[in-house]
Amino acid sequence: MARSPTVYDVAQAAGVSIATVSFTFSRPSRVRPATREAVLAAARALGYVPSASARGLAVGRTKSFGLIFWDGSTPPPGPFDEVNAGLRHFPRWVHEVQYGIERAAWRHGYAIMVGDGDATDVDTTAVDIAGRVDGLVLLPRMLSPETLMRVAERIPVVSVTEGAADPHLNSITVDNRQGMTDLVRHLVEVHHIRSATFVGAPDTADYRARFAAFRDVLEQAALPALDDADRPDAYVCRTDADALDLLTELRGRGIRVPEDVIVTGFDGLAAGLISQPTLTSVRQPMYDLGVAAVDLLLNRIADPRSPAEHRRFPVELTVRHSCGCPA
């Protein structure tokens, strides 16, 4: 296999120093026009392509962003359900947001380096990635406060779902309270439920906001929020993924949805369109969240002293057959 031409070959052919070749591609304004043209002509003749990593070192940029996410898609134990088990392989919330990040980054000439939030030491993973990228997106925020501050001092960081309380951290979220309020009011006013259970631990900022809205609407309607010991009129799940798993479990018990009990989700995953029954949910603009994350990183790179931005997107209630509405 023929050896690829190097910066040394270009420098020799053009009769210039290696530094001049480097500046020609990284900082052309610092090279005299005649010299720059000689270097470019030599590069074209040799078929030389400058290294992206070398360009990055020269200008202090890698043209890449880091992404650390926790999928949480490990299927729960239990019998295999042929009807809905395959839906676990559909894109989940994090995958939809990731797609928006990748597409927006690509449009601006950036690559994406992905880190696994399921790693044993996610803080170490984040620090390692942060040293090789121009900005970092967290889905969701999962780093220790100390590590997060250390990383944010070096590169721009965007937290998707959490961070609005931190004046130094860019953040993006959705209107979780309004979405859950609309959903539970629909169950109370249209389907006349008399009790409900919130499914899933409220262990992130998003989930806590959803749980708070769920509780407030029931309190306003003087309705009880039951625990897992009693079957309610409705199971209100914190996510679509939880709702799809619950549909599988209920089917295994011979419990019909929505005839015996209502099940709802939150996210608006594509899998909810074809689950049996189709899933009532609150739709997030997941792709747009990813695009916005890249936008915030680029803003901070362009102006490192700009204040942190906190964006909140609206959501939309989508009613389907799992709550008793027409599919």
C-alpha atoms as a PDB file:
ATOM      1  CA  MET A   1       0.000   0.000   0.000  1.00  0.00           C
ATOM      2  CA  ALA A   2       1.400   3.394  -0.989  1.00  0.00           C
ATOM      3  CA  ARG A   3       2.380   5.720   1.868  1.00  0.00           C
ATOM      4  CA  SER A   4       0.067   8.675   2.375  1.00  0.00           C
ATOM      5  CA  PRO A   5       1.754  12.058   1.908  1.00  0.00           C
ATOM      6  CA  THR A   6       2.597  13.891   5.119  1.00  0.00           C
ATOM      7  CA  VAL A   7       3.057  17.475   6.203  1.00  0.00           C
ATOM      8  CA  TYR A   8       6.798  16.938   5.803  1.00  0.00           C
ATOM      9  CA  ASP A   9       6.341  16.028   2.143  1.00  0.00           C
ATOM     10  CA  VAL A  10       4.291  19.154   1.492  1.00  0.00           C
ATOM     11  CA  ALA A  11       6.832  21.346   3.259  1.00  0.00           C
ATOM     12  CA  GLN A  12       9.683  19.919   1.171  1.00  0.00           C
ATOM     13  CA  ALA A  13       7.765  20.242  -2.103  1.00  0.00           C
ATOM     14  CA  ALA A  14       6.750  23.847  -1.379  1.00  0.00           C
ATOM     15  CA  GLY A  15      10.143  24.822   0.022  1.00  0.00           C
ATOM     16  CA  VAL A  16       8.717  26.032   3.325  1.00  0.00           C
ATOM     17  CA  SER A  17       8.789  25.011   6.978  1.00  0.00           C
ATOM     18  CA  ILE A  18       6.432  22.516   8.559  1.00  0.00           C
ATOM     19  CA  ALA A  19       4.974  25.353  10.663  1.00  0.00           C
ATOM     20  CA  THR A  20       4.084  27.276   7.492  1.00  0.00           C
ATOM     21  CA  VAL A  21       2.208  24.271   6.126  1.00  0.00           C
ATOM     22  CA  SER A  22       0.340  23.972   9.421  1.00  0.00           C
ATOM     23  CA  PHE A  23      -0.584  27.674   9.431  1.00  0.00           C
ATOM     24  CA  THR A  24      -1.719  27.463   5.786  1.00  0.00           C
ATOM     25  CA  PHE A  25      -4.498  25.049   6.776  1.00  0.00           C
ATOM     26  CA  SER A  26      -5.233  26.231  10.317  1.00  0.00           C
ATOM     27  CA  ARG A  27      -4.622  30.003  10.181  1.00  0.00           C
ATOM     28  CA  PRO A  28      -4.332  30.996   6.512  1.00  0.00           C
ATOM     29  CA  SER A  29      -4.523  34.724   7.299  1.00  0.00           C
ATOM     30  CA  ARG A  30      -1.080  34.461   8.888  1.00  0.00           C
ATOM     31  CA  VAL A  31       0.552  33.194   5.670  1.00  0.00           C
ATOM     32  CA  ARG A  32       1.485  35.444   2.744  1.00  0.00           C
ATOM     33  CA  PRO A  33      -0.789  34.822  -0.292  1.00  0.00           C
ATOM     34  CA  ALA A  34       2.058  33.663  -2.563  1.00  0.00           C
ATOM     35  CA  THR A  35       3.372  31.250   0.063  1.00  0.00           C
ATOM     36  CA  ARG A  36      -0.109  30.001   0.839  1.00  0.00           C
ATOM     37  CA  GLU A  37      -0.751  29.265  -2.833  1.00  0.00           C
ATOM     38  CA  ALA A  38       2.559  27.411  -3.121  1.00  0.00           C
ATOM     39  CA  VAL A  39       1.657  25.202  -0.164  1.00  0.00           C
ATOM     40  CA  LEU A  40      -1.848  24.505  -1.483  1.00  0.00           C
ATOM     41  CA  ALA A  41      -0.469  23.662  -4.933  1.00  0.00           C
ATOM     42  CA  ALA A  42       2.013  21.224  -3.398  1.00  0.00           C
ATOM     43  CA  ALA A  43      -0.738  19.652  -1.302  1.00  0.00           C
ATOM     44  CA  ARG A  44      -2.979  19.203  -4.356  1.00  0.00           C
ATOM     45  CA  ALA A  45      -0.156  17.672  -6.370  1.00  0.00           C
ATOM     46  CA  LEU A  46       0.727  15.206  -3.616  1.00  0.00           C
ATOM     47  CA  GLY A  47      -2.880  14.416  -2.677  1.00  0.00           C
ATOM     48  CA  TYR A  48      -2.285  15.575   0.882  1.00  0.00           C
ATOM     49  CA  VAL A  49      -5.238  15.877   3.289  1.00  0.00           C
ATOM     50  CA  PRO A  50      -4.531  17.620   6.630  1.00  0.00           C
ATOM     51  CA  SER A  51      -5.223  15.642   9.784  1.00  0.00           C
ATOM     52  CA  ALA A  52      -8.370  16.732  11.579  1.00  0.00           C
ATOM     53  CA  SER A  53      -6.733  16.085  14.949  1.00  0.00           C
ATOM     54  CA  ALA A  54      -3.700  18.142  13.981  1.00  0.00           C
ATOM     55  CA  ARG A  55      -5.908  21.029  12.852  1.00  0.00           C
ATOM     56  CA  GLY A  56      -7.727  20.836  16.145  1.00  0.00           C
ATOM     57  CA  LEU A  57      -4.516  21.055  18.142  1.00  0.00           C
ATOM     58  CA  ALA A  58      -3.401  24.032  16.077  1.00  0.00           C
ATOM     59  CA  VAL A  59      -6.538  26.088  16.738  1.00  0.00           C
ATOM     60  CA  GLY A  60      -7.435  24.683  20.159  1.00  0.00           C
ATOM     61  CA  ARG A  61     -10.554  22.965  18.795  1.00  0.00           C
ATOM     62  CA  THR A  62     -11.370  19.309  18.161  1.00  0.00           C
ATOM     63  CA  LYS A  63     -14.584  19.917  16.149  1.00  0.00           C
ATOM     64  CA  SER A  64     -16.302  17.285  18.254  1.00  0.00           C
ATOM     65  CA  PHE A  65     -18.836  17.218  21.073  1.00  0.00           C
ATOM     66  CA  GLY A  66     -19.196  14.678  23.832  1.00  0.00           C
ATOM     67  CA  LEU A  67     -22.468  13.003  24.754  1.00  0.00           C
ATOM     68  CA  ILE A  68     -22.995  11.007  27.939  1.00  0.00           C
ATOM     69  CA  PHE A  69     -26.342   9.342  28.409  1.00  0.00           C
ATOM     70  CA  TRP A  70     -28.029   6.708  30.487  1.00  0.00           C
ATOM     71  CA  ASP A  71     -30.339   4.511  28.451  1.00  0.00           C
ATOM     72  CA  GLY A  72     -32.076   2.511  31.154  1.00  0.00           C
ATOM     73  CA  SER A  73     -33.434   0.129  28.512  1.00  0.00           C
ATOM     74  CA  THR A  74     -32.498  -3.171  30.173  1.00  0.00           C
ATOM     75  CA  PRO A  75     -35.751  -5.194  30.052  1.00  0.00           C
ATOM     76  CA  PRO A  76     -37.241  -6.019  33.442  1.00  0.00           C
ATOM     77  CA  PRO A  77     -37.447  -9.664  34.518  1.00  0.00           C
ATOM     78  CA  GLY A  78     -40.642 -11.498  33.679  1.00  0.00           C
ATOM     79  CA  PRO A  79     -42.333 -13.602  31.012  1.00  0.00           C
ATOM     80  CA  PHE A  80     -41.674 -12.802  27.378  1.00  0.00           C
ATOM     81  CA  ASP A  81     -44.620 -10.979  25.814  1.00  0.00           C
ATOM     82  CA  GLU A  82     -44.733 -11.480  22.056  1.00  0.00           C
ATOM     83  CA  VAL A  83     -47.166  -8.597  21.601  1.00  0.00           C
ATOM     84  CA  ASN A  84     -45.170  -5.763  23.183  1.00  0.00           C
ATOM     85  CA  ALA A  85     -41.673  -7.149  23.889  1.00  0.00           C
ATOM     86  CA  GLY A  86     -40.355  -5.997  20.516  1.00  0.00           C
ATOM     87  CA  LEU A  87     -41.258  -2.411  21.366  1.00  0.00           C
ATOM     88  CA  ARG A  88     -38.321  -2.312  23.767  1.00  0.00           C
ATOM     89  CA  HIS A  89     -36.089  -2.181  20.705  1.00  0.00           C
ATOM     90  CA  PHE A  90     -37.762   0.967  19.382  1.00  0.00           C
ATOM     91  CA  PRO A  91     -35.985   4.303  19.916  1.00  0.00           C
ATOM     92  CA  ARG A  92     -36.473   5.630  23.413  1.00  0.00           C
ATOM     93  CA  TRP A  93     -36.396   9.187  24.688  1.00  0.00           C
ATOM     94  CA  VAL A  94     -32.624   9.355  24.888  1.00  0.00           C
ATOM     95  CA  HIS A  95     -32.219   7.953  21.367  1.00  0.00           C
ATOM     96  CA  GLU A  96     -34.592  10.529  19.891  1.00  0.00           C
ATOM     97  CA  VAL A  97     -32.708  13.367  21.588  1.00  0.00           C
ATOM     98  CA  GLN A  98     -29.385  11.857  20.515  1.00  0.00           C
ATOM     99  CA  TYR A  99     -30.534  11.850  16.894  1.00  0.00           C
ATOM    100  CA  GLY A 100     -31.251  15.583  17.100  1.00  0.00           C
ATOM    101  CA  ILE A 101     -27.802  16.177  18.593  1.00  0.00           C
ATOM    102  CA  GLU A 102     -26.071  14.148  15.887  1.00  0.00           C
ATOM    103  CA  ARG A 103     -27.887  15.824  13.011  1.00  0.00           C
ATOM    104  CA  ALA A 104     -27.328  19.344  14.339  1.00  0.00           C
ATOM    105  CA  ALA A 105     -23.666  18.632  15.068  1.00  0.00           C
ATOM    106  CA  TRP A 106     -23.165  17.215  11.575  1.00  0.00           C
ATOM    107  CA  ARG A 107     -24.646  20.340   9.993  1.00  0.00           C
ATOM    108  CA  HIS A 108     -22.039  22.420  11.804  1.00  0.00           C
ATOM    109  CA  GLY A 109     -19.138  20.105  11.000  1.00  0.00           C
ATOM    110  CA  TYR A 110     -18.867  18.483  14.429  1.00  0.00           C
ATOM    111  CA  ALA A 111     -18.452  14.808  15.282  1.00  0.00           C
ATOM    112  CA  ILE A 112     -19.998  13.173  18.364  1.00  0.00           C
ATOM    113  CA  MET A 113     -18.116  11.113  20.946  1.00  0.00           C
ATOM    114  CA  VAL A 114     -20.545   8.993  22.983  1.00  0.00           C
ATOM    115  CA  GLY A 115     -19.950   7.894  26.577  1.00  0.00           C
ATOM    116  CA  ASP A 116     -21.972   5.280  28.459  1.00  0.00           C
ATOM    117  CA  GLY A 117     -23.820   6.557  31.499  1.00  0.00           C
ATOM    118  CA  ASP A 118     -24.179   2.933  32.630  1.00  0.00           C
ATOM    119  CA  ALA A 119     -20.403   2.797  33.201  1.00  0.00           C
ATOM    120  CA  THR A 120     -19.219   1.899  36.686  1.00  0.00           C
ATOM    121  CA  ASP A 121     -17.516   5.268  37.120  1.00  0.00           C
ATOM    122  CA  VAL A 122     -19.409   7.781  35.013  1.00  0.00           C
ATOM    123  CA  ASP A 123     -17.402  10.665  36.491  1.00  0.00           C
ATOM    124  CA  THR A 124     -14.180   9.184  35.133  1.00  0.00           C
ATOM    125  CA  THR A 125     -15.832   8.629  31.751  1.00  0.00           C
ATOM    126  CA  ALA A 126     -16.975  12.259  31.661  1.00  0.00           C
ATOM    127  CA  VAL A 127     -13.569  13.655  32.558  1.00  0.00           C
ATOM    128  CA  ASP A 128     -11.901  11.485  29.918  1.00  0.00           C
ATOM    129  CA  ILE A 129     -14.311  12.609  27.187  1.00  0.00           C
ATOM    130  CA  ALA A 130     -14.211  16.237  28.298  1.00  0.00           C
ATOM    131  CA  GLY A 131     -10.489  16.309  27.628  1.00  0.00           C
ATOM    132  CA  ARG A 132     -11.049  15.415  23.970  1.00  0.00           C
ATOM    133  CA  VAL A 133     -14.075  17.493  22.928  1.00  0.00           C
ATOM    134  CA  ASP A 134     -15.178  21.129  22.610  1.00  0.00           C
ATOM    135  CA  GLY A 135     -18.413  20.718  24.564  1.00  0.00           C
ATOM    136  CA  LEU A 136     -20.424  18.120  26.491  1.00  0.00           C
ATOM    137  CA  VAL A 137     -24.121  17.155  26.596  1.00  0.00           C
ATOM    138  CA  LEU A 138     -25.531  15.192  29.540  1.00  0.00           C
ATOM    139  CA  LEU A 139     -28.681  13.059  29.128  1.00  0.00           C
ATOM    140  CA  PRO A 140     -29.720  13.321  31.906  1.00  0.00           C
ATOM    141  CA  ARG A 141     -27.413  15.043  34.386  1.00  0.00           C
ATOM    142  CA  MET A 142     -25.731  12.265  36.364  1.00  0.00           C
ATOM    143  CA  LEU A 143     -22.307  13.548  37.395  1.00  0.00           C
ATOM    144  CA  SER A 144     -21.272  14.434  40.919  1.00  0.00           C
ATOM    145  CA  PRO A 145     -21.421  18.215  41.575  1.00  0.00           C
ATOM    146  CA  GLU A 146     -17.637  18.324  41.951  1.00  0.00           C
ATOM    147  CA  THR A 147     -16.960  16.622  38.624  1.00  0.00           C
ATOM    148  CA  LEU A 148     -19.614  18.653  36.856  1.00  0.00           C
ATOM    149  CA  MET A 149     -18.075  21.912  38.065  1.00  0.00           C
ATOM    150  CA  ARG A 150     -14.578  20.759  37.086  1.00  0.00           C
ATOM    151  CA  VAL A 151     -15.734  19.880  33.559  1.00  0.00           C
ATOM    152  CA  ALA A 152     -17.845  23.039  33.148  1.00  0.00           C
ATOM    153  CA  GLU A 153     -14.817  25.185  33.984  1.00  0.00           C
ATOM    154  CA  ARG A 154     -12.976  23.714  30.979  1.00  0.00           C
ATOM    155  CA  ILE A 155     -15.633  23.347  28.287  1.00  0.00           C
ATOM    156  CA  PRO A 156     -19.288  24.289  27.702  1.00  0.00           C
ATOM    157  CA  VAL A 157     -21.757  21.815  29.218  1.00  0.00           C
ATOM    158  CA  VAL A 158     -25.465  21.407  28.480  1.00  0.00           C
ATOM    159  CA  SER A 159     -27.668  19.389  30.795  1.00  0.00           C
ATOM    160  CA  VAL A 160     -30.845  18.068  29.202  1.00  0.00           C
ATOM    161  CA  THR A 161     -33.590  17.799  31.870  1.00  0.00           C
ATOM    162  CA  GLU A 162     -31.725  19.405  34.795  1.00  0.00           C
ATOM    163  CA  GLY A 163     -29.602  22.413  35.599  1.00  0.00           C
ATOM    164  CA  ALA A 164     -31.840  25.494  35.525  1.00  0.00           C
ATOM    165  CA  ALA A 165     -30.917  26.259  39.136  1.00  0.00           C
ATOM    166  CA  ASP A 166     -27.215  26.425  38.255  1.00  0.00           C
ATOM    167  CA  PRO A 167     -26.253  29.846  36.835  1.00  0.00           C
ATOM    168  CA  HIS A 168     -23.088  28.396  35.284  1.00  0.00           C
ATOM    169  CA  LEU A 169     -24.700  25.454  33.474  1.00  0.00           C
ATOM    170  CA  ASN A 170     -26.711  25.565  30.237  1.00  0.00           C
ATOM    171  CA  SER A 171     -29.872  23.498  30.482  1.00  0.00           C
ATOM    172  CA  ILE A 172     -32.824  22.336  28.413  1.00  0.00           C
ATOM    173  CA  THR A 173     -36.048  20.841  29.651  1.00  0.00           C
ATOM    174  CA  VAL A 174     -39.755  20.629  28.820  1.00  0.00           C
ATOM    175  CA  ASP A 175     -42.868  21.844  30.600  1.00  0.00           C
ATOM    176  CA  ASN A 176     -43.299  18.688  32.662  1.00  0.00           C
ATOM    177  CA  ARG A 177     -45.814  20.177  35.067  1.00  0.00           C
ATOM    178  CA  GLN A 178     -48.157  21.436  32.364  1.00  0.00           C
ATOM    179  CA  GLY A 179     -47.955  18.196  30.430  1.00  0.00           C
ATOM    180  CA  MET A 180     -48.789  16.032  33.423  1.00  0.00           C
ATOM    181  CA  THR A 181     -51.481  18.462  34.560  1.00  0.00           C
ATOM    182  CA  ASP A 182     -53.202  18.221  31.171  1.00  0.00           C
ATOM    183  CA  LEU A 183     -52.958  14.430  31.225  1.00  0.00           C
ATOM    184  CA  VAL A 184     -54.384  13.869  34.702  1.00  0.00           C
ATOM    185  CA  ARG A 185     -57.136  16.450  34.182  1.00  0.00           C
ATOM    186  CA  HIS A 186     -58.127  14.547  31.042  1.00  0.00           C
ATOM    187  CA  LEU A 187     -58.426  11.350  33.075  1.00  0.00           C
ATOM    188  CA  VAL A 188     -60.465  13.094  35.764  1.00  0.00           C
ATOM    189  CA  GLU A 189     -62.760  15.187  33.567  1.00  0.00           C
ATOM    190  CA  VAL A 190     -63.242  12.886  30.565  1.00  0.00           C
ATOM    191  CA  HIS A 191     -62.828   9.377  31.984  1.00  0.00           C
ATOM    192  CA  HIS A 192     -64.016  10.199  35.525  1.00  0.00           C
ATOM    193  CA  ILE A 193     -61.326   8.203  37.318  1.00  0.00           C
ATOM    194  CA  ARG A 194     -61.719   7.879  41.080  1.00  0.00           C
ATOM    195  CA  SER A 195     -58.126   6.945  41.918  1.00  0.00           C
ATOM    196  CA  ALA A 196     -54.690   6.761  40.321  1.00  0.00           C
ATOM    197  CA  THR A 197     -51.184   5.433  40.942  1.00  0.00           C
ATOM    198  CA  PHE A 198     -47.958   7.086  39.801  1.00  0.00           C
ATOM    199  CA  VAL A 199     -45.632   4.466  38.323  1.00  0.00           C
ATOM    200  CA  GLY A 200     -41.878   4.997  38.610  1.00  0.00           C
ATOM    201  CA  ALA A 201     -39.645   6.682  41.141  1.00  0.00           C
ATOM    202  CA  PRO A 202     -39.520  10.506  40.976  1.00  0.00           C
ATOM    203  CA  ASP A 203     -35.728  10.443  41.076  1.00  0.00           C
ATOM    204  CA  THR A 204     -34.835  13.168  38.541  1.00  0.00           C
ATOM    205  CA  ALA A 205     -35.932  16.780  38.204  1.00  0.00           C
ATOM    206  CA  ASP A 206     -38.242  15.887  35.291  1.00  0.00           C
ATOM    207  CA  TYR A 207     -39.870  13.007  37.145  1.00  0.00           C
ATOM    208  CA  ARG A 208     -40.271  15.048  40.321  1.00  0.00           C
ATOM    209  CA  ALA A 209     -42.067  17.777  38.372  1.00  0.00           C
ATOM    210  CA  ARG A 210     -44.386  15.192  36.792  1.00  0.00           C
ATOM    211  CA  PHE A 211     -45.147  13.579  40.130  1.00  0.00           C
ATOM    212  CA  ALA A 212     -45.853  16.937  41.758  1.00  0.00           C
ATOM    213  CA  ALA A 213     -48.358  17.850  39.026  1.00  0.00           C
ATOM    214  CA  PHE A 214     -49.980  14.388  39.266  1.00  0.00           C
ATOM    215  CA  ARG A 215     -50.414  14.791  43.023  1.00  0.00           C
ATOM    216  CA  ASP A 216     -51.700  18.373  42.771  1.00  0.00           C
ATOM    217  CA  VAL A 217     -54.447  17.552  40.247  1.00  0.00           C
ATOM    218  CA  LEU A 218     -55.671  14.620  42.317  1.00  0.00           C
ATOM    219  CA  GLU A 219     -55.699  16.744  45.469  1.00  0.00           C
ATOM    220  CA  GLN A 220     -57.669  19.452  43.703  1.00  0.00           C
ATOM    221  CA  ALA A 221     -60.207  16.806  42.627  1.00  0.00           C
ATOM    222  CA  ALA A 222     -60.256  15.256  46.114  1.00  0.00           C
ATOM    223  CA  LEU A 223     -59.152  11.903  44.671  1.00  0.00           C
ATOM    224  CA  PRO A 224     -56.724   9.432  46.271  1.00  0.00           C
ATOM    225  CA  ALA A 225     -53.300   8.496  44.938  1.00  0.00           C
ATOM    226  CA  LEU A 226     -53.033   4.777  45.648  1.00  0.00           C
ATOM    227  CA  ASP A 227     -49.843   2.819  46.220  1.00  0.00           C
ATOM    228  CA  ASP A 228     -48.970  -0.433  44.466  1.00  0.00           C
ATOM    229  CA  ALA A 229     -50.972  -2.530  46.907  1.00  0.00           C
ATOM    230  CA  ASP A 230     -54.333  -1.575  45.401  1.00  0.00           C
ATOM    231  CA  ARG A 231     -55.354  -1.438  41.784  1.00  0.00           C
ATOM    232  CA  PRO A 232     -56.415   2.121  40.833  1.00  0.00           C
ATOM    233  CA  ASP A 233     -58.616   3.282  38.005  1.00  0.00           C
ATOM    234  CA  ALA A 234     -55.497   4.567  36.229  1.00  0.00           C
ATOM    235  CA  TYR A 235     -51.761   3.922  36.225  1.00  0.00           C
ATOM    236  CA  VAL A 236     -49.993   7.174  35.340  1.00  0.00           C
ATOM    237  CA  CYS A 237     -46.456   6.267  34.337  1.00  0.00           C
ATOM    238  CA  ARG A 238     -43.532   8.672  34.525  1.00  0.00           C
ATOM    239  CA  THR A 239     -42.341   7.591  31.015  1.00  0.00           C
ATOM    240  CA  ASP A 240     -43.585   5.720  27.963  1.00  0.00           C
ATOM    241  CA  ALA A 241     -40.960   3.048  28.590  1.00  0.00           C
ATOM    242  CA  ASP A 242     -42.480   2.378  32.019  1.00  0.00           C
ATOM    243  CA  ALA A 243     -45.968   2.317  30.497  1.00  0.00           C
ATOM    244  CA  LEU A 244     -45.001  -0.169  27.770  1.00  0.00           C
ATOM    245  CA  ASP A 245     -43.445  -2.486  30.353  1.00  0.00           C
ATOM    246  CA  LEU A 246     -46.572  -2.165  32.498  1.00  0.00           C
ATOM    247  CA  LEU A 247     -48.803  -3.107  29.554  1.00  0.00           C
ATOM    248  CA  THR A 248     -46.772  -6.309  29.225  1.00  0.00           C
ATOM    249  CA  GLU A 249     -47.109  -7.083  32.916  1.00  0.00           C
ATOM    250  CA  LEU A 250     -50.847  -6.428  33.015  1.00  0.00           C
ATOM    251  CA  ARG A 251     -51.443  -8.595  29.967  1.00  0.00           C
ATOM    252  CA  GLY A 252     -49.597 -11.422  31.702  1.00  0.00           C
ATOM    253  CA  ARG A 253     -52.009 -11.101  34.622  1.00  0.00           C
ATOM    254  CA  GLY A 254     -55.044 -11.131  32.377  1.00  0.00           C
ATOM    255  CA  ILE A 255     -55.881  -7.496  33.171  1.00  0.00           C
ATOM    256  CA  ARG A 256     -57.350  -5.616  30.211  1.00  0.00           C
ATOM    257  CA  VAL A 257     -56.381  -2.078  29.206  1.00  0.00           C
ATOM    258  CA  PRO A 258     -58.386   0.154  29.111  1.00  0.00           C
ATOM    259  CA  GLU A 259     -61.408  -1.999  30.044  1.00  0.00           C
ATOM    260  CA  ASP A 260     -60.129  -2.922  33.518  1.00  0.00           C
ATOM    261  CA  VAL A 261     -57.599  -0.149  34.100  1.00  0.00           C
ATOM    262  CA  ILE A 262     -56.199   2.891  32.268  1.00  0.00           C
ATOM    263  CA  VAL A 263     -52.474   3.184  31.497  1.00  0.00           C
ATOM    264  CA  THR A 264     -50.731   6.376  30.342  1.00  0.00           C
ATOM    265  CA  GLY A 265     -47.153   7.385  29.584  1.00  0.00           C
ATOM    266  CA  PHE A 266     -45.038  10.483  29.068  1.00  0.00           C
ATOM    267  CA  ASP A 267     -42.595  11.140  26.183  1.00  0.00           C
ATOM    268  CA  GLY A 268     -44.459  10.345  22.963  1.00  0.00           C
ATOM    269  CA  LEU A 269     -42.284   7.474  21.716  1.00  0.00           C
ATOM    270  CA  ALA A 270     -42.986   5.977  18.300  1.00  0.00           C
ATOM    271  CA  ALA A 271     -43.577   2.609  19.982  1.00  0.00           C
ATOM    272  CA  GLY A 272     -46.736   4.005  21.574  1.00  0.00           C
ATOM    273  CA  LEU A 273     -48.304   4.339  18.132  1.00  0.00           C
ATOM    274  CA  ILE A 274     -48.294   0.580  17.572  1.00  0.00           C
ATOM    275  CA  SER A 275     -48.474  -0.876  21.079  1.00  0.00           C
ATOM    276  CA  GLN A 276     -51.583  -2.870  21.980  1.00  0.00           C
ATOM    277  CA  PRO A 277     -53.445  -0.836  22.995  1.00  0.00           C
ATOM    278  CA  THR A 278     -51.997   2.350  21.528  1.00  0.00           C
ATOM    279  CA  LEU A 279     -50.595   4.525  24.289  1.00  0.00           C
ATOM    280  CA  THR A 280     -51.999   7.788  25.613  1.00  0.00           C
ATOM    281  CA  SER A 281     -49.020  10.000  26.377  1.00  0.00           C
ATOM    282  CA  VAL A 282     -47.547  13.500  26.553  1.00  0.00           C
ATOM    283  CA  ARG A 283     -45.394  14.210  23.524  1.00  0.00           C
ATOM    284  CA  GLN A 284     -42.008  15.884  24.007  1.00  0.00           C
ATOM    285  CA  PRO A 285     -40.194  17.571  21.083  1.00  0.00           C
ATOM    286  CA  MET A 286     -37.259  15.194  21.580  1.00  0.00           C
ATOM    287  CA  TYR A 287     -35.456  15.917  18.310  1.00  0.00           C
ATOM    288  CA  ASP A 288     -35.707  19.657  18.972  1.00  0.00           C
ATOM    289  CA  LEU A 289     -34.137  19.181  22.414  1.00  0.00           C
ATOM    290  CA  GLY A 290     -31.071  17.673  20.753  1.00  0.00           C
ATOM    291  CA  VAL A 291     -30.829  20.476  18.214  1.00  0.00           C
ATOM    292  CA  ALA A 292     -31.125  23.063  20.997  1.00  0.00           C
ATOM    293  CA  ALA A 293     -28.348  21.375  22.987  1.00  0.00           C
ATOM    294  CA  VAL A 294     -25.928  21.818  20.087  1.00  0.00           C
ATOM    295  CA  ASP A 295     -27.103  25.406  19.618  1.00  0.00           C
ATOM    296  CA  LEU A 296     -26.289  26.218  23.252  1.00  0.00           C
ATOM    297  CA  LEU A 297     -22.828  24.658  22.966  1.00  0.00           C
ATOM    298  CA  LEU A 298     -22.068  26.669  19.825  1.00  0.00           C
ATOM    299  CA  ASN A 299     -23.263  29.884  21.490  1.00  0.00           C
ATOM    300  CA  ARG A 300     -20.960  29.349  24.438  1.00  0.00           C
ATOM    301  CA  ILE A 301     -18.006  28.465  22.181  1.00  0.00           C
ATOM    302  CA  ALA A 302     -18.569  31.657  20.178  1.00  0.00           C
ATOM    303  CA  ASP A 303     -18.773  33.726  23.374  1.00  0.00           C
ATOM    304  CA  PRO A 304     -17.287  31.924  26.399  1.00  0.00           C
ATOM    305  CA  ARG A 305     -18.318  34.783  28.691  1.00  0.00           C
ATOM    306  CA  SER A 306     -21.995  34.689  27.737  1.00  0.00           C
ATOM    307  CA  PRO A 307     -24.398  33.834  30.585  1.00  0.00           C
ATOM    308  CA  ALA A 308     -25.832  30.352  30.872  1.00  0.00           C
ATOM    309  CA  GLU A 309     -29.072  29.775  28.967  1.00  0.00           C
ATOM    310  CA  HIS A 310     -32.056  27.782  30.222  1.00  0.00           C
ATOM    311  CA  ARG A 311     -34.638  26.769  27.639  1.00  0.00           C
ATOM    312  CA  ARG A 312     -37.983  25.087  28.305  1.00  0.00           C
ATOM    313  CA  PHE A 313     -40.041  23.557  25.507  1.00  0.00           C
ATOM    314  CA  PRO A 314     -43.823  23.025  25.440  1.00  0.00           C
ATOM    315  CA  VAL A 315     -45.341  19.537  25.316  1.00  0.00           C
ATOM    316  CA  GLU A 316     -48.580  18.155  23.894  1.00  0.00           C
ATOM    317  CA  LEU A 317     -51.135  15.691  25.264  1.00  0.00           C
ATOM    318  CA  THR A 318     -51.849  12.857  22.807  1.00  0.00           C
ATOM    319  CA  VAL A 319     -54.858  10.689  23.677  1.00  0.00           C
ATOM    320  CA  ARG A 320     -55.134   7.133  22.350  1.00  0.00           C
ATOM    321  CA  HIS A 321     -56.791   3.865  23.229  1.00  0.00           C
ATOM    322  CA  SER A 322     -54.966   3.028  26.494  1.00  0.00           C
ATOM    323  CA  CYS A 323     -57.058   5.625  28.324  1.00  0.00           C
ATOM    324  CA  GLY A 324     -60.286   4.636  26.591  1.00  0.00           C
ATOM    325  CA  CYS A 325     -60.267   7.223  23.819  1.00  0.00           C
ATOM    326  CA  PRO A 326     -60.533   6.090  20.184  1.00  0.00           C
ATOM    327  CA  ALA A 327     -57.212   4.738  18.900  1.00  0.00           C
END
